[in-house]
Amino acid sequence: MRCEGKRLVTSLTENYEFQRVYKKGQSYPGRYAVLYYLKTNRATVRMGITATKKIGKACVRNRARRLIYENMRLVMPAMKPGCDVVVVARNAIVGSDFFALGKELKKLLQKAEAFSDE
């Protein structure tokens, strides 16, 4: 667990947690990633990031996850508490720009109404 700003952020780690977000949550597709968003009754934001073998070898998948994680870390303080977020990387993320990915993730989170009104 980490404290990002004022909010407590934890990770989704178990397969059943990811499956619940996929099945019960809402999906928001983008060019570089697909965002799954599920509201919960928790006081925290829980986040999971996945990158399949279709993207490339391990070093490419890890880079994609690091890009997504860093962009999500920057927007976490502005998010509403009480949600589960799963970000699934797409093939287009390979060689993509950090700032273009960040702009897209912000747009997807705005569609999901994940930001607080502060």
C-alpha atoms as a PDB file:
ATOM      1  CA  MET A   1       0.000   0.000   0.000  1.00  0.00           C
ATOM      2  CA  ARG A   2       1.146   3.502  -0.806  1.00  0.00           C
ATOM      3  CA  CYS A   3      -0.116   6.917   0.123  1.00  0.00           C
ATOM      4  CA  GLU A   4      -0.503   9.022  -3.022  1.00  0.00           C
ATOM      5  CA  GLY A   5      -1.345  12.526  -1.947  1.00  0.00           C
ATOM      6  CA  LYS A   6      -4.259  12.228   0.482  1.00  0.00           C
ATOM      7  CA  ARG A   7      -5.682   9.002  -0.929  1.00  0.00           C
ATOM      8  CA  LEU A   8      -4.676   5.451  -0.111  1.00  0.00           C
ATOM      9  CA  VAL A   9      -3.865   3.461  -3.247  1.00  0.00           C
ATOM     10  CA  THR A  10      -3.618  -0.323  -3.299  1.00  0.00           C
ATOM     11  CA  SER A  11      -3.102  -2.857  -6.052  1.00  0.00           C
ATOM     12  CA  LEU A  12      -5.436  -5.451  -7.457  1.00  0.00           C
ATOM     13  CA  THR A  13      -3.466  -8.670  -7.197  1.00  0.00           C
ATOM     14  CA  GLU A  14      -5.816 -11.636  -7.363  1.00  0.00           C
ATOM     15  CA  ASN A  15      -7.402 -12.988 -10.534  1.00  0.00           C
ATOM     16  CA  TYR A  16     -10.923 -12.883  -9.064  1.00  0.00           C
ATOM     17  CA  GLU A  17     -10.519  -9.142  -8.372  1.00  0.00           C
ATOM     18  CA  PHE A  18      -9.615  -8.484 -12.003  1.00  0.00           C
ATOM     19  CA  GLN A  19     -12.466 -10.706 -13.218  1.00  0.00           C
ATOM     20  CA  ARG A  20     -14.989  -8.821 -11.072  1.00  0.00           C
ATOM     21  CA  VAL A  21     -13.896  -5.499 -12.580  1.00  0.00           C
ATOM     22  CA  TYR A  22     -14.059  -6.944 -16.116  1.00  0.00           C
ATOM     23  CA  LYS A  23     -17.550  -8.408 -15.614  1.00  0.00           C
ATOM     24  CA  LYS A  24     -19.269  -5.808 -13.428  1.00  0.00           C
ATOM     25  CA  GLY A  25     -17.343  -2.693 -14.429  1.00  0.00           C
ATOM     26  CA  GLN A  26     -17.705  -0.362 -17.382  1.00  0.00           C
ATOM     27  CA  SER A  27     -15.110  -0.423 -20.188  1.00  0.00           C
ATOM     28  CA  TYR A  28     -13.703   2.614 -21.951  1.00  0.00           C
ATOM     29  CA  PRO A  29     -11.558   1.765 -25.010  1.00  0.00           C
ATOM     30  CA  GLY A  30      -8.776   3.988 -26.254  1.00  0.00           C
ATOM     31  CA  ARG A  31      -5.994   3.786 -28.796  1.00  0.00           C
ATOM     32  CA  TYR A  32      -3.248   2.777 -26.356  1.00  0.00           C
ATOM     33  CA  ALA A  33      -5.234   1.097 -23.592  1.00  0.00           C
ATOM     34  CA  VAL A  34      -8.654  -0.054 -22.403  1.00  0.00           C
ATOM     35  CA  LEU A  35      -9.809   1.233 -19.023  1.00  0.00           C
ATOM     36  CA  TYR A  36     -12.202  -0.799 -16.862  1.00  0.00           C
ATOM     37  CA  TYR A  37     -13.838   1.150 -14.036  1.00  0.00           C
ATOM     38  CA  LEU A  38     -15.938  -0.185 -11.167  1.00  0.00           C
ATOM     39  CA  LYS A  39     -17.329   1.843  -8.255  1.00  0.00           C
ATOM     40  CA  THR A  40     -16.949   0.241  -4.829  1.00  0.00           C
ATOM     41  CA  ASN A  41     -17.772   1.052  -1.215  1.00  0.00           C
ATOM     42  CA  ARG A  42     -14.111   1.173  -0.182  1.00  0.00           C
ATOM     43  CA  ALA A  43     -12.312   4.313   0.916  1.00  0.00           C
ATOM     44  CA  THR A  44      -9.403   3.562  -1.412  1.00  0.00           C
ATOM     45  CA  VAL A  45      -8.585   3.460  -5.087  1.00  0.00           C
ATOM     46  CA  ARG A  46      -7.415   0.038  -6.231  1.00  0.00           C
ATOM     47  CA  MET A  47      -5.563  -0.267  -9.515  1.00  0.00           C
ATOM     48  CA  GLY A  48      -4.400  -3.120 -11.706  1.00  0.00           C
ATOM     49  CA  ILE A  49      -2.409  -3.043 -14.940  1.00  0.00           C
ATOM     50  CA  THR A  50      -2.159  -5.847 -17.481  1.00  0.00           C
ATOM     51  CA  ALA A  51      -0.206  -6.326 -20.684  1.00  0.00           C
ATOM     52  CA  THR A  52      -0.630  -9.522 -22.692  1.00  0.00           C
ATOM     53  CA  LYS A  53       2.020 -11.437 -24.617  1.00  0.00           C
ATOM     54  CA  LYS A  54       0.547 -10.059 -27.862  1.00  0.00           C
ATOM     55  CA  ILE A  55       2.306  -6.784 -27.065  1.00  0.00           C
ATOM     56  CA  GLY A  56       5.785  -8.274 -27.115  1.00  0.00           C
ATOM     57  CA  LYS A  57       8.493  -9.794 -25.006  1.00  0.00           C
ATOM     58  CA  ALA A  58       8.807  -9.238 -21.271  1.00  0.00           C
ATOM     59  CA  CYS A  59      10.884  -6.064 -21.517  1.00  0.00           C
ATOM     60  CA  VAL A  60       8.299  -4.481 -23.857  1.00  0.00           C
ATOM     61  CA  ARG A  61       5.398  -5.495 -21.603  1.00  0.00           C
ATOM     62  CA  ASN A  62       7.187  -4.182 -18.521  1.00  0.00           C
ATOM     63  CA  ARG A  63       7.865  -0.848 -20.242  1.00  0.00           C
ATOM     64  CA  ALA A  64       4.178  -0.582 -21.163  1.00  0.00           C
ATOM     65  CA  ARG A  65       3.171  -1.270 -17.563  1.00  0.00           C
ATOM     66  CA  ARG A  66       5.668   1.292 -16.251  1.00  0.00           C
ATOM     67  CA  LEU A  67       4.337   3.954 -18.633  1.00  0.00           C
ATOM     68  CA  ILE A  68       0.758   3.271 -17.562  1.00  0.00           C
ATOM     69  CA  TYR A  69       1.641   3.140 -13.870  1.00  0.00           C
ATOM     70  CA  GLU A  70       3.508   6.451 -13.910  1.00  0.00           C
ATOM     71  CA  ASN A  71       0.720   8.233 -15.790  1.00  0.00           C
ATOM     72  CA  MET A  72      -1.889   6.821 -13.405  1.00  0.00           C
ATOM     73  CA  ARG A  73       0.245   7.812 -10.394  1.00  0.00           C
ATOM     74  CA  LEU A  74       0.174  11.411 -11.569  1.00  0.00           C
ATOM     75  CA  VAL A  75      -3.651  11.537 -11.759  1.00  0.00           C
ATOM     76  CA  MET A  76      -4.449   9.439  -8.661  1.00  0.00           C
ATOM     77  CA  PRO A  77      -4.705  12.402  -6.240  1.00  0.00           C
ATOM     78  CA  ALA A  78      -7.526  13.878  -8.334  1.00  0.00           C
ATOM     79  CA  MET A  79      -9.572  10.658  -8.444  1.00  0.00           C
ATOM     80  CA  LYS A  80     -12.659   9.910  -6.369  1.00  0.00           C
ATOM     81  CA  PRO A  81     -12.084   7.345  -3.620  1.00  0.00           C
ATOM     82  CA  GLY A  82     -13.991   4.080  -3.792  1.00  0.00           C
ATOM     83  CA  CYS A  83     -13.229   2.587  -7.172  1.00  0.00           C
ATOM     84  CA  ASP A  84     -11.371  -0.256  -8.831  1.00  0.00           C
ATOM     85  CA  VAL A  85      -9.512   0.534 -12.049  1.00  0.00           C
ATOM     86  CA  VAL A  86      -7.932  -1.953 -14.447  1.00  0.00           C
ATOM     87  CA  VAL A  87      -5.893  -0.702 -17.398  1.00  0.00           C
ATOM     88  CA  VAL A  88      -5.189  -3.167 -20.218  1.00  0.00           C
ATOM     89  CA  ALA A  89      -2.379  -2.187 -22.580  1.00  0.00           C
ATOM     90  CA  ARG A  90      -2.917  -2.445 -26.340  1.00  0.00           C
ATOM     91  CA  ASN A  91      -0.396  -3.084 -29.134  1.00  0.00           C
ATOM     92  CA  ALA A  92      -0.290   0.611 -30.098  1.00  0.00           C
ATOM     93  CA  ILE A  93       1.371   1.407 -26.760  1.00  0.00           C
ATOM     94  CA  VAL A  94       4.673   0.020 -28.073  1.00  0.00           C
ATOM     95  CA  GLY A  95       6.789   3.023 -28.985  1.00  0.00           C
ATOM     96  CA  SER A  96       4.106   5.487 -27.914  1.00  0.00           C
ATOM     97  CA  ASP A  97       4.787   8.846 -26.335  1.00  0.00           C
ATOM     98  CA  PHE A  98       4.518   9.177 -22.542  1.00  0.00           C
ATOM     99  CA  PHE A  99       2.491  12.386 -22.792  1.00  0.00           C
ATOM    100  CA  ALA A 100       0.115  11.041 -25.468  1.00  0.00           C
ATOM    101  CA  LEU A 101      -0.637   8.043 -23.249  1.00  0.00           C
ATOM    102  CA  GLY A 102      -1.193  10.332 -20.255  1.00  0.00           C
ATOM    103  CA  LYS A 103      -3.594  12.508 -22.228  1.00  0.00           C
ATOM    104  CA  GLU A 104      -5.563   9.448 -23.318  1.00  0.00           C
ATOM    105  CA  LEU A 105      -5.765   7.981 -19.806  1.00  0.00           C
ATOM    106  CA  LYS A 106      -7.050  11.321 -18.451  1.00  0.00           C
ATOM    107  CA  LYS A 107      -9.673  11.384 -21.202  1.00  0.00           C
ATOM    108  CA  LEU A 108     -10.786   7.822 -20.403  1.00  0.00           C
ATOM    109  CA  LEU A 109     -10.981   8.594 -16.679  1.00  0.00           C
ATOM    110  CA  GLN A 110     -13.064  11.689 -17.429  1.00  0.00           C
ATOM    111  CA  LYS A 111     -15.464   9.546 -19.464  1.00  0.00           C
ATOM    112  CA  ALA A 112     -15.707   7.192 -16.491  1.00  0.00           C
ATOM    113  CA  GLU A 113     -16.417  10.211 -14.238  1.00  0.00           C
ATOM    114  CA  ALA A 114     -13.576   9.108 -11.972  1.00  0.00           C
ATOM    115  CA  PHE A 115     -12.358  12.569 -11.005  1.00  0.00           C
ATOM    116  CA  SER A 116     -13.577  14.378  -7.896  1.00  0.00           C
ATOM    117  CA  ASP A 117     -15.141  17.833  -8.180  1.00  0.00           C
ATOM    118  CA  GLU A 118     -12.547  19.490  -5.933  1.00  0.00           C
END
